[in-house]
Amino acid sequence: MSERIKQRKDLGETMVIAHAVVAAQEGHNVTILMDDGGGAAHASSEIARLRRMKAAGADVGMVQLIGTHTVLEKAAGGEYLPGRTEMREIYARLRGLDDGLPPIERTKLLSPEIWR
């Protein structure tokens, strides 16, 4: 953890993960939204550690990691994203703020299975 804190650009992700893990160790189930590759990898390793603790009999909650695509998939066809046009508009705005998101054509956000 001390090594992660030295990398200032990852400090936000590190703090989110740390808070989630503390809550999980207190028995809570927590969902975090994170797309950053390094942060998501770090979160995944903490999730694996919590699973090992639970398997060993520790009374811990769990951390679930989701990303932007998961949220958008769940919202597709609903009140806030009723159609593909709105999905394209929202995704373009999000992509303008997050250079880690691939072009929408490289996702399944416009695919028929999302829009059933």
C-alpha atoms as a PDB file:
ATOM      1  CA  MET A   1       0.000   0.000   0.000  1.00  0.00           C
ATOM      2  CA  SER A   2       2.792   2.453   0.845  1.00  0.00           C
ATOM      3  CA  GLU A   3       4.190   1.940  -2.651  1.00  0.00           C
ATOM      4  CA  ARG A   4       0.805   2.869  -4.173  1.00  0.00           C
ATOM      5  CA  ILE A   5       0.606   6.087  -2.148  1.00  0.00           C
ATOM      6  CA  LYS A   6       3.907   7.229  -3.653  1.00  0.00           C
ATOM      7  CA  GLN A   7       2.231   7.299  -7.077  1.00  0.00           C
ATOM      8  CA  ARG A   8       0.192  10.490  -6.776  1.00  0.00           C
ATOM      9  CA  LYS A   9      -1.839   9.933  -9.929  1.00  0.00           C
ATOM     10  CA  ASP A  10      -3.253   6.734  -8.391  1.00  0.00           C
ATOM     11  CA  LEU A  11      -4.038   8.269  -5.006  1.00  0.00           C
ATOM     12  CA  GLY A  12      -7.764   8.677  -5.714  1.00  0.00           C
ATOM     13  CA  GLU A  13      -8.144   5.041  -6.751  1.00  0.00           C
ATOM     14  CA  THR A  14      -6.068   3.920  -3.768  1.00  0.00           C
ATOM     15  CA  MET A  15      -8.302   5.836  -1.363  1.00  0.00           C
ATOM     16  CA  VAL A  16     -11.495   4.413  -2.889  1.00  0.00           C
ATOM     17  CA  ILE A  17     -10.117   0.883  -2.610  1.00  0.00           C
ATOM     18  CA  ALA A  18      -8.873   1.431   0.942  1.00  0.00           C
ATOM     19  CA  HIS A  19     -12.247   2.734   2.117  1.00  0.00           C
ATOM     20  CA  ALA A  20     -14.073  -0.140   0.421  1.00  0.00           C
ATOM     21  CA  VAL A  21     -11.749  -2.746   1.945  1.00  0.00           C
ATOM     22  CA  VAL A  22     -12.088  -1.279   5.452  1.00  0.00           C
ATOM     23  CA  ALA A  23     -15.889  -1.380   5.116  1.00  0.00           C
ATOM     24  CA  ALA A  24     -15.734  -4.967   3.820  1.00  0.00           C
ATOM     25  CA  GLN A  25     -13.503  -6.014   6.695  1.00  0.00           C
ATOM     26  CA  GLU A  26     -16.206  -4.615   9.001  1.00  0.00           C
ATOM     27  CA  GLY A  27     -18.714  -6.950   7.318  1.00  0.00           C
ATOM     28  CA  HIS A  28     -20.287  -4.623   4.740  1.00  0.00           C
ATOM     29  CA  ASN A  29     -20.783  -5.382   1.063  1.00  0.00           C
ATOM     30  CA  VAL A  30     -19.478  -2.534  -1.071  1.00  0.00           C
ATOM     31  CA  THR A  31     -19.644  -1.775  -4.795  1.00  0.00           C
ATOM     32  CA  ILE A  32     -17.007   0.462  -6.348  1.00  0.00           C
ATOM     33  CA  LEU A  33     -17.090   1.997  -9.795  1.00  0.00           C
ATOM     34  CA  MET A  34     -13.643   2.135 -11.355  1.00  0.00           C
ATOM     35  CA  ASP A  35     -12.414   1.970 -14.942  1.00  0.00           C
ATOM     36  CA  ASP A  36      -8.733   2.748 -14.416  1.00  0.00           C
ATOM     37  CA  GLY A  37      -6.681  -0.306 -15.437  1.00  0.00           C
ATOM     38  CA  GLY A  38      -4.160  -0.057 -12.621  1.00  0.00           C
ATOM     39  CA  GLY A  39      -6.778   0.789 -10.041  1.00  0.00           C
ATOM     40  CA  ALA A  40      -9.046  -2.016 -11.217  1.00  0.00           C
ATOM     41  CA  ALA A  41      -6.149  -4.480 -11.007  1.00  0.00           C
ATOM     42  CA  HIS A  42      -5.370  -3.317  -7.472  1.00  0.00           C
ATOM     43  CA  ALA A  43      -9.048  -3.589  -6.507  1.00  0.00           C
ATOM     44  CA  SER A  44      -9.187  -7.098  -7.996  1.00  0.00           C
ATOM     45  CA  SER A  45      -6.243  -8.208  -5.883  1.00  0.00           C
ATOM     46  CA  GLU A  46      -7.956  -6.853  -2.747  1.00  0.00           C
ATOM     47  CA  ILE A  47     -11.193  -8.614  -3.734  1.00  0.00           C
ATOM     48  CA  ALA A  48      -9.247 -11.867  -4.099  1.00  0.00           C
ATOM     49  CA  ARG A  49      -7.698 -11.314  -0.656  1.00  0.00           C
ATOM     50  CA  LEU A  50     -11.142 -10.760   0.888  1.00  0.00           C
ATOM     51  CA  ARG A  51     -12.406 -13.958  -0.775  1.00  0.00           C
ATOM     52  CA  ARG A  52      -9.495 -15.895   0.719  1.00  0.00           C
ATOM     53  CA  MET A  53     -10.264 -14.428   4.137  1.00  0.00           C
ATOM     54  CA  LYS A  54     -13.942 -15.383   3.792  1.00  0.00           C
ATOM     55  CA  ALA A  55     -13.005 -18.908   2.666  1.00  0.00           C
ATOM     56  CA  ALA A  56     -10.802 -19.205   5.753  1.00  0.00           C
ATOM     57  CA  GLY A  57     -13.810 -18.396   7.933  1.00  0.00           C
ATOM     58  CA  ALA A  58     -13.361 -14.650   8.503  1.00  0.00           C
ATOM     59  CA  ASP A  59     -16.577 -12.686   8.953  1.00  0.00           C
ATOM     60  CA  VAL A  60     -15.977 -10.171   6.176  1.00  0.00           C
ATOM     61  CA  GLY A  61     -18.160  -8.558   3.558  1.00  0.00           C
ATOM     62  CA  MET A  62     -17.208  -8.303  -0.070  1.00  0.00           C
ATOM     63  CA  VAL A  63     -16.211  -5.653  -2.584  1.00  0.00           C
ATOM     64  CA  GLN A  64     -17.748  -5.736  -6.040  1.00  0.00           C
ATOM     65  CA  LEU A  65     -15.964  -3.926  -8.857  1.00  0.00           C
ATOM     66  CA  ILE A  66     -17.985  -2.498 -11.731  1.00  0.00           C
ATOM     67  CA  GLY A  67     -17.100  -0.132 -14.543  1.00  0.00           C
ATOM     68  CA  THR A  68     -18.762   2.535 -16.635  1.00  0.00           C
ATOM     69  CA  HIS A  69     -19.844   0.012 -19.255  1.00  0.00           C
ATOM     70  CA  THR A  70     -21.750  -2.007 -16.651  1.00  0.00           C
ATOM     71  CA  VAL A  71     -23.661   1.071 -15.492  1.00  0.00           C
ATOM     72  CA  LEU A  72     -24.477   2.087 -19.071  1.00  0.00           C
ATOM     73  CA  GLU A  73     -25.593  -1.447 -19.975  1.00  0.00           C
ATOM     74  CA  LYS A  74     -27.984  -1.506 -17.008  1.00  0.00           C
ATOM     75  CA  ALA A  75     -29.370   1.929 -17.952  1.00  0.00           C
ATOM     76  CA  ALA A  76     -29.882   1.102 -21.651  1.00  0.00           C
ATOM     77  CA  GLY A  77     -33.527   1.364 -22.613  1.00  0.00           C
ATOM     78  CA  GLY A  78     -34.489   3.031 -19.356  1.00  0.00           C
ATOM     79  CA  GLU A  79     -35.577   6.509 -18.383  1.00  0.00           C
ATOM     80  CA  TYR A  80     -32.161   8.149 -18.804  1.00  0.00           C
ATOM     81  CA  LEU A  81     -30.931   6.210 -21.842  1.00  0.00           C
ATOM     82  CA  PRO A  82     -34.083   5.356 -23.788  1.00  0.00           C
ATOM     83  CA  GLY A  83     -32.308   4.833 -27.120  1.00  0.00           C
ATOM     84  CA  ARG A  84     -29.016   4.388 -28.919  1.00  0.00           C
ATOM     85  CA  THR A  85     -28.871   8.108 -29.771  1.00  0.00           C
ATOM     86  CA  GLU A  86     -28.861   9.027 -26.090  1.00  0.00           C
ATOM     87  CA  MET A  87     -26.299   6.286 -25.410  1.00  0.00           C
ATOM     88  CA  ARG A  88     -23.999   7.746 -28.075  1.00  0.00           C
ATOM     89  CA  GLU A  89     -24.405  11.263 -26.660  1.00  0.00           C
ATOM     90  CA  ILE A  90     -23.734  10.261 -23.042  1.00  0.00           C
ATOM     91  CA  TYR A  91     -20.843   8.017 -24.017  1.00  0.00           C
ATOM     92  CA  ALA A  92     -19.239  10.793 -26.080  1.00  0.00           C
ATOM     93  CA  ARG A  93     -19.473  13.134 -23.078  1.00  0.00           C
ATOM     94  CA  LEU A  94     -17.992  10.514 -20.749  1.00  0.00           C
ATOM     95  CA  ARG A  95     -15.240   9.696 -23.217  1.00  0.00           C
ATOM     96  CA  GLY A  96     -14.329  13.381 -23.355  1.00  0.00           C
ATOM     97  CA  LEU A  97     -13.637  13.172 -19.613  1.00  0.00           C
ATOM     98  CA  ASP A  98     -11.989   9.737 -19.540  1.00  0.00           C
ATOM     99  CA  ASP A  99      -9.322   8.910 -22.099  1.00  0.00           C
ATOM    100  CA  GLY A 100      -9.396   5.273 -20.949  1.00  0.00           C
ATOM    101  CA  LEU A 101     -12.775   4.582 -22.528  1.00  0.00           C
ATOM    102  CA  PRO A 102     -12.549   2.988 -25.980  1.00  0.00           C
ATOM    103  CA  PRO A 103     -14.635   4.223 -28.911  1.00  0.00           C
ATOM    104  CA  ILE A 104     -18.257   3.151 -28.455  1.00  0.00           C
ATOM    105  CA  GLU A 105     -18.022   0.986 -31.595  1.00  0.00           C
ATOM    106  CA  ARG A 106     -15.473  -1.194 -29.780  1.00  0.00           C
ATOM    107  CA  THR A 107     -17.952  -1.884 -26.954  1.00  0.00           C
ATOM    108  CA  LYS A 108     -21.209  -3.828 -26.908  1.00  0.00           C
ATOM    109  CA  LEU A 109     -23.213  -0.777 -25.804  1.00  0.00           C
ATOM    110  CA  LEU A 110     -24.971  -0.476 -29.168  1.00  0.00           C
ATOM    111  CA  SER A 111     -25.484  -4.212 -29.707  1.00  0.00           C
ATOM    112  CA  PRO A 112     -28.950  -5.788 -29.984  1.00  0.00           C
ATOM    113  CA  GLU A 113     -28.584  -7.835 -26.772  1.00  0.00           C
ATOM    114  CA  ILE A 114     -28.254  -4.611 -24.761  1.00  0.00           C
ATOM    115  CA  TRP A 115     -31.342  -3.070 -26.384  1.00  0.00           C
ATOM    116  CA  ARG A 116     -33.899  -5.867 -25.886  1.00  0.00           C
END
